[in-house]
Amino acid sequence: MGEHRKGIAAAAAIIGTAALAWAGWALGATGTGAKSVENAVNLVSAAVGLVVGLASLAVSWLGYRADRRQHASGLPLAGIVDEFAVAVRASGRPRPVPDG
């Protein structure tokens, strides 16, 4: 579980730093006046939305990977082979004839 938390923290740090840099650039690029302040607020809110969206995507992806890893490690090799055989039979493809 520690590995996943490190990955989430690293992703959040990278995304947050990029969003803050973008917001800082946007605030510095705007002039003064009501329209410029409105544009800066719009850009900052877009950056916040981007951070939240990408962070939720990262958390979802890491959770998915952890679930797949846990499922794969919970099956013995014979169980994996049996599941594969069932999937091949269900696909309807003819089985190859062994050389003999």
N, C-alpha and C. Protein backbone atom coordinates (compact mmCIF):
# COMPACT_ATOMS: atom_id res chain seq x y z
N MET A 1 0.82 -1.19 0.00
CA MET A 1 0.00 0.00 0.00
C MET A 1 0.86 1.25 0.00
N GLY A 2 2.05 1.20 0.59
CA GLY A 2 2.94 2.35 0.65
C GLY A 2 3.38 2.80 -0.73
N GLU A 3 3.56 1.85 -1.62
CA GLU A 3 3.97 2.17 -2.99
C GLU A 3 2.91 3.01 -3.69
N HIS A 4 1.65 2.69 -3.46
CA HIS A 4 0.57 3.43 -4.11
C HIS A 4 0.45 4.84 -3.54
N ARG A 5 0.65 4.97 -2.24
CA ARG A 5 0.59 6.30 -1.62
C ARG A 5 1.72 7.18 -2.13
N LYS A 6 2.90 6.60 -2.33
CA LYS A 6 4.02 7.37 -2.89
C LYS A 6 3.70 7.83 -4.31
N GLY A 7 3.08 6.94 -5.08
CA GLY A 7 2.71 7.30 -6.45
C GLY A 7 1.66 8.40 -6.48
N ILE A 8 0.69 8.32 -5.59
CA ILE A 8 -0.35 9.35 -5.53
C ILE A 8 0.27 10.68 -5.11
N ALA A 9 1.14 10.65 -4.11
CA ALA A 9 1.78 11.88 -3.63
C ALA A 9 2.64 12.50 -4.74
N ALA A 10 3.38 11.68 -5.46
CA ALA A 10 4.22 12.20 -6.54
C ALA A 10 3.38 12.80 -7.65
N ALA A 11 2.31 12.12 -8.04
CA ALA A 11 1.43 12.63 -9.09
C ALA A 11 0.77 13.93 -8.66
N ALA A 12 0.30 14.00 -7.42
CA ALA A 12 -0.34 15.21 -6.91
C ALA A 12 0.66 16.37 -6.87
N ALA A 13 1.89 16.08 -6.46
CA ALA A 13 2.91 17.14 -6.40
C ALA A 13 3.23 17.68 -7.78
N ILE A 14 3.38 16.81 -8.75
CA ILE A 14 3.70 17.24 -10.11
C ILE A 14 2.54 18.04 -10.71
N ILE A 15 1.34 17.52 -10.58
CA ILE A 15 0.17 18.19 -11.14
C ILE A 15 -0.07 19.52 -10.44
N GLY A 16 0.04 19.53 -9.12
CA GLY A 16 -0.17 20.77 -8.37
C GLY A 16 0.86 21.83 -8.71
N THR A 17 2.13 21.43 -8.83
CA THR A 17 3.17 22.38 -9.19
C THR A 17 2.94 22.96 -10.58
N ALA A 18 2.57 22.11 -11.52
CA ALA A 18 2.30 22.60 -12.88
C ALA A 18 1.11 23.55 -12.90
N ALA A 19 0.05 23.22 -12.15
CA ALA A 19 -1.13 24.07 -12.12
C ALA A 19 -0.82 25.41 -11.47
N LEU A 20 -0.04 25.39 -10.38
CA LEU A 20 0.31 26.64 -9.72
C LEU A 20 1.21 27.50 -10.61
N ALA A 21 2.13 26.88 -11.32
CA ALA A 21 2.98 27.63 -12.24
C ALA A 21 2.15 28.26 -13.35
N TRP A 22 1.20 27.50 -13.87
CA TRP A 22 0.33 28.02 -14.93
C TRP A 22 -0.52 29.17 -14.41
N ALA A 23 -1.08 29.00 -13.19
CA ALA A 23 -1.90 30.06 -12.60
C ALA A 23 -1.06 31.30 -12.33
N GLY A 24 0.16 31.11 -11.83
CA GLY A 24 1.04 32.26 -11.61
C GLY A 24 1.38 32.98 -12.89
N TRP A 25 1.65 32.22 -13.94
CA TRP A 25 1.92 32.83 -15.24
C TRP A 25 0.69 33.60 -15.73
N ALA A 26 -0.49 33.01 -15.56
CA ALA A 26 -1.72 33.65 -16.01
C ALA A 26 -1.98 34.94 -15.24
N LEU A 27 -1.73 34.93 -13.94
CA LEU A 27 -1.93 36.15 -13.15
C LEU A 27 -0.91 37.21 -13.53
N GLY A 28 0.31 36.80 -13.79
CA GLY A 28 1.34 37.76 -14.18
C GLY A 28 1.12 38.31 -15.58
N ALA A 29 0.51 37.54 -16.45
CA ALA A 29 0.30 37.96 -17.83
C ALA A 29 -0.88 38.91 -17.98
N THR A 30 -1.78 38.92 -17.01
CA THR A 30 -2.94 39.80 -17.10
C THR A 30 -2.58 41.17 -16.56
N GLY A 31 -3.23 42.14 -17.09
CA GLY A 31 -3.01 43.52 -16.65
C GLY A 31 -3.92 43.85 -15.49
N THR A 32 -4.26 45.12 -15.41
CA THR A 32 -5.18 45.56 -14.36
C THR A 32 -6.54 45.83 -14.99
N GLY A 33 -7.55 45.93 -14.18
CA GLY A 33 -8.89 46.19 -14.67
C GLY A 33 -9.80 45.01 -14.40
N ALA A 34 -11.10 45.28 -14.47
CA ALA A 34 -12.10 44.27 -14.13
C ALA A 34 -12.04 43.08 -15.09
N LYS A 35 -11.87 43.33 -16.37
CA LYS A 35 -11.85 42.24 -17.35
C LYS A 35 -10.62 41.36 -17.16
N SER A 36 -9.48 41.96 -16.86
CA SER A 36 -8.26 41.18 -16.64
C SER A 36 -8.37 40.33 -15.38
N VAL A 37 -8.95 40.89 -14.32
CA VAL A 37 -9.12 40.12 -13.08
C VAL A 37 -10.08 38.96 -13.33
N GLU A 38 -11.13 39.21 -14.10
CA GLU A 38 -12.09 38.15 -14.43
C GLU A 38 -11.40 37.03 -15.20
N ASN A 39 -10.55 37.39 -16.15
CA ASN A 39 -9.82 36.38 -16.91
C ASN A 39 -8.88 35.58 -16.01
N ALA A 40 -8.21 36.26 -15.08
CA ALA A 40 -7.29 35.58 -14.18
C ALA A 40 -8.04 34.61 -13.28
N VAL A 41 -9.20 35.03 -12.76
CA VAL A 41 -10.01 34.15 -11.91
C VAL A 41 -10.47 32.94 -12.71
N ASN A 42 -10.85 33.14 -13.96
CA ASN A 42 -11.25 32.02 -14.81
C ASN A 42 -10.10 31.04 -15.02
N LEU A 43 -8.92 31.55 -15.24
CA LEU A 43 -7.76 30.67 -15.46
C LEU A 43 -7.40 29.91 -14.18
N VAL A 44 -7.46 30.58 -13.04
CA VAL A 44 -7.14 29.90 -11.78
C VAL A 44 -8.17 28.82 -11.49
N SER A 45 -9.46 29.12 -11.71
CA SER A 45 -10.48 28.09 -11.47
C SER A 45 -10.33 26.93 -12.45
N ALA A 46 -9.90 27.20 -13.67
CA ALA A 46 -9.63 26.11 -14.61
C ALA A 46 -8.45 25.27 -14.13
N ALA A 47 -7.43 25.91 -13.57
CA ALA A 47 -6.28 25.17 -13.04
C ALA A 47 -6.68 24.29 -11.86
N VAL A 48 -7.53 24.82 -10.98
CA VAL A 48 -8.01 24.03 -9.84
C VAL A 48 -8.81 22.83 -10.35
N GLY A 49 -9.68 23.05 -11.33
CA GLY A 49 -10.45 21.94 -11.90
C GLY A 49 -9.56 20.90 -12.54
N LEU A 50 -8.51 21.35 -13.21
CA LEU A 50 -7.57 20.43 -13.83
C LEU A 50 -6.85 19.59 -12.77
N VAL A 51 -6.43 20.21 -11.69
CA VAL A 51 -5.75 19.48 -10.62
C VAL A 51 -6.66 18.44 -10.01
N VAL A 52 -7.89 18.84 -9.70
CA VAL A 52 -8.84 17.90 -9.08
C VAL A 52 -9.15 16.75 -10.03
N GLY A 53 -9.38 17.05 -11.30
CA GLY A 53 -9.70 16.01 -12.28
C GLY A 53 -8.56 15.03 -12.47
N LEU A 54 -7.34 15.54 -12.63
CA LEU A 54 -6.20 14.66 -12.84
C LEU A 54 -5.85 13.87 -11.58
N ALA A 55 -6.03 14.49 -10.41
CA ALA A 55 -5.77 13.75 -9.17
C ALA A 55 -6.77 12.60 -9.01
N SER A 56 -8.04 12.84 -9.33
CA SER A 56 -9.02 11.76 -9.22
C SER A 56 -8.74 10.67 -10.25
N LEU A 57 -8.28 11.05 -11.42
CA LEU A 57 -7.90 10.06 -12.43
C LEU A 57 -6.72 9.21 -11.93
N ALA A 58 -5.73 9.85 -11.32
CA ALA A 58 -4.57 9.12 -10.81
C ALA A 58 -4.97 8.16 -9.70
N VAL A 59 -5.83 8.62 -8.79
CA VAL A 59 -6.27 7.75 -7.70
C VAL A 59 -7.05 6.56 -8.25
N SER A 60 -7.92 6.81 -9.22
CA SER A 60 -8.70 5.72 -9.81
C SER A 60 -7.79 4.71 -10.51
N TRP A 61 -6.82 5.19 -11.25
CA TRP A 61 -5.91 4.31 -11.98
C TRP A 61 -5.08 3.46 -11.01
N LEU A 62 -4.57 4.10 -9.95
CA LEU A 62 -3.77 3.34 -8.99
C LEU A 62 -4.62 2.31 -8.25
N GLY A 63 -5.87 2.65 -7.96
CA GLY A 63 -6.77 1.68 -7.33
C GLY A 63 -7.07 0.51 -8.25
N TYR A 64 -7.25 0.80 -9.53
CA TYR A 64 -7.50 -0.25 -10.51
C TYR A 64 -6.30 -1.19 -10.60
N ARG A 65 -5.11 -0.61 -10.67
CA ARG A 65 -3.90 -1.43 -10.76
C ARG A 65 -3.72 -2.30 -9.52
N ALA A 66 -4.00 -1.73 -8.36
CA ALA A 66 -3.86 -2.49 -7.11
C ALA A 66 -4.85 -3.64 -7.08
N ASP A 67 -6.07 -3.40 -7.55
CA ASP A 67 -7.08 -4.46 -7.58
C ASP A 67 -6.67 -5.57 -8.54
N ARG A 68 -6.14 -5.22 -9.69
CA ARG A 68 -5.69 -6.23 -10.66
C ARG A 68 -4.54 -7.03 -10.09
N ARG A 69 -3.60 -6.35 -9.44
CA ARG A 69 -2.46 -7.04 -8.86
C ARG A 69 -2.89 -8.00 -7.76
N GLN A 70 -3.83 -7.56 -6.92
CA GLN A 70 -4.32 -8.39 -5.83
C GLN A 70 -5.06 -9.60 -6.39
N HIS A 71 -5.86 -9.40 -7.43
CA HIS A 71 -6.59 -10.52 -8.04
C HIS A 71 -5.61 -11.52 -8.66
N ALA A 72 -4.61 -11.02 -9.35
CA ALA A 72 -3.65 -11.91 -10.02
C ALA A 72 -2.82 -12.68 -9.00
N SER A 73 -2.46 -12.04 -7.91
CA SER A 73 -1.64 -12.75 -6.93
C SER A 73 -2.47 -13.72 -6.10
N GLY A 74 -3.79 -13.55 -6.09
CA GLY A 74 -4.65 -14.44 -5.32
C GLY A 74 -4.98 -15.74 -6.04
N LEU A 75 -4.72 -15.82 -7.34
CA LEU A 75 -5.03 -17.03 -8.10
C LEU A 75 -3.80 -17.93 -8.20
N PRO A 76 -3.96 -19.20 -7.94
CA PRO A 76 -2.85 -20.11 -8.21
C PRO A 76 -2.71 -20.31 -9.73
N LEU A 77 -1.57 -20.81 -10.14
CA LEU A 77 -1.31 -20.98 -11.57
C LEU A 77 -2.36 -21.87 -12.22
N ALA A 78 -2.80 -22.90 -11.54
CA ALA A 78 -3.82 -23.79 -12.12
C ALA A 78 -5.12 -23.04 -12.35
N GLY A 79 -5.48 -22.12 -11.47
CA GLY A 79 -6.69 -21.32 -11.64
C GLY A 79 -6.60 -20.40 -12.85
N ILE A 80 -5.42 -19.83 -13.07
CA ILE A 80 -5.21 -18.96 -14.23
C ILE A 80 -5.34 -19.76 -15.52
N VAL A 81 -4.75 -20.95 -15.54
CA VAL A 81 -4.82 -21.81 -16.73
C VAL A 81 -6.28 -22.21 -16.99
N ASP A 82 -7.01 -22.55 -15.95
CA ASP A 82 -8.42 -22.92 -16.11
C ASP A 82 -9.24 -21.76 -16.65
N GLU A 83 -9.02 -20.55 -16.13
CA GLU A 83 -9.75 -19.38 -16.63
C GLU A 83 -9.42 -19.11 -18.09
N PHE A 84 -8.15 -19.29 -18.45
CA PHE A 84 -7.74 -19.09 -19.84
C PHE A 84 -8.39 -20.12 -20.75
N ALA A 85 -8.47 -21.36 -20.32
CA ALA A 85 -9.10 -22.41 -21.12
C ALA A 85 -10.58 -22.12 -21.33
N VAL A 86 -11.24 -21.66 -20.29
CA VAL A 86 -12.66 -21.31 -20.42
C VAL A 86 -12.84 -20.16 -21.40
N ALA A 87 -11.96 -19.16 -21.34
CA ALA A 87 -12.06 -18.02 -22.25
C ALA A 87 -11.83 -18.44 -23.69
N VAL A 88 -10.87 -19.35 -23.91
CA VAL A 88 -10.59 -19.83 -25.27
C VAL A 88 -11.78 -20.62 -25.80
N ARG A 89 -12.36 -21.47 -24.97
CA ARG A 89 -13.53 -22.24 -25.41
C ARG A 89 -14.71 -21.33 -25.71
N ALA A 90 -14.87 -20.31 -24.92
CA ALA A 90 -15.99 -19.39 -25.11
C ALA A 90 -15.82 -18.54 -26.37
N SER A 91 -14.59 -18.39 -26.84
CA SER A 91 -14.37 -17.57 -28.03
C SER A 91 -14.85 -18.26 -29.30
N GLY A 92 -15.02 -19.59 -29.26
CA GLY A 92 -15.56 -20.32 -30.40
C GLY A 92 -14.54 -20.65 -31.46
N ARG A 93 -13.29 -20.37 -31.23
CA ARG A 93 -12.27 -20.67 -32.22
C ARG A 93 -11.89 -22.14 -32.13
N PRO A 94 -11.60 -22.77 -33.26
CA PRO A 94 -11.20 -24.18 -33.21
C PRO A 94 -9.81 -24.31 -32.55
N ARG A 95 -9.66 -25.38 -31.82
CA ARG A 95 -8.39 -25.64 -31.16
C ARG A 95 -7.41 -26.27 -32.16
N PRO A 96 -6.13 -25.90 -32.08
CA PRO A 96 -5.16 -26.51 -32.99
C PRO A 96 -4.95 -27.98 -32.66
N VAL A 97 -4.70 -28.74 -33.70
CA VAL A 97 -4.44 -30.17 -33.53
C VAL A 97 -2.94 -30.34 -33.29
N PRO A 98 -2.58 -31.01 -32.19
CA PRO A 98 -1.14 -31.19 -31.93
C PRO A 98 -0.52 -32.13 -32.96
N ASP A 99 0.76 -31.85 -33.26
CA ASP A 99 1.51 -32.73 -34.17
C ASP A 99 1.84 -34.02 -33.43
N GLY A 100 1.68 -35.08 -34.08
CA GLY A 100 2.00 -36.29 -33.36
C GLY A 100 2.21 -37.40 -34.25
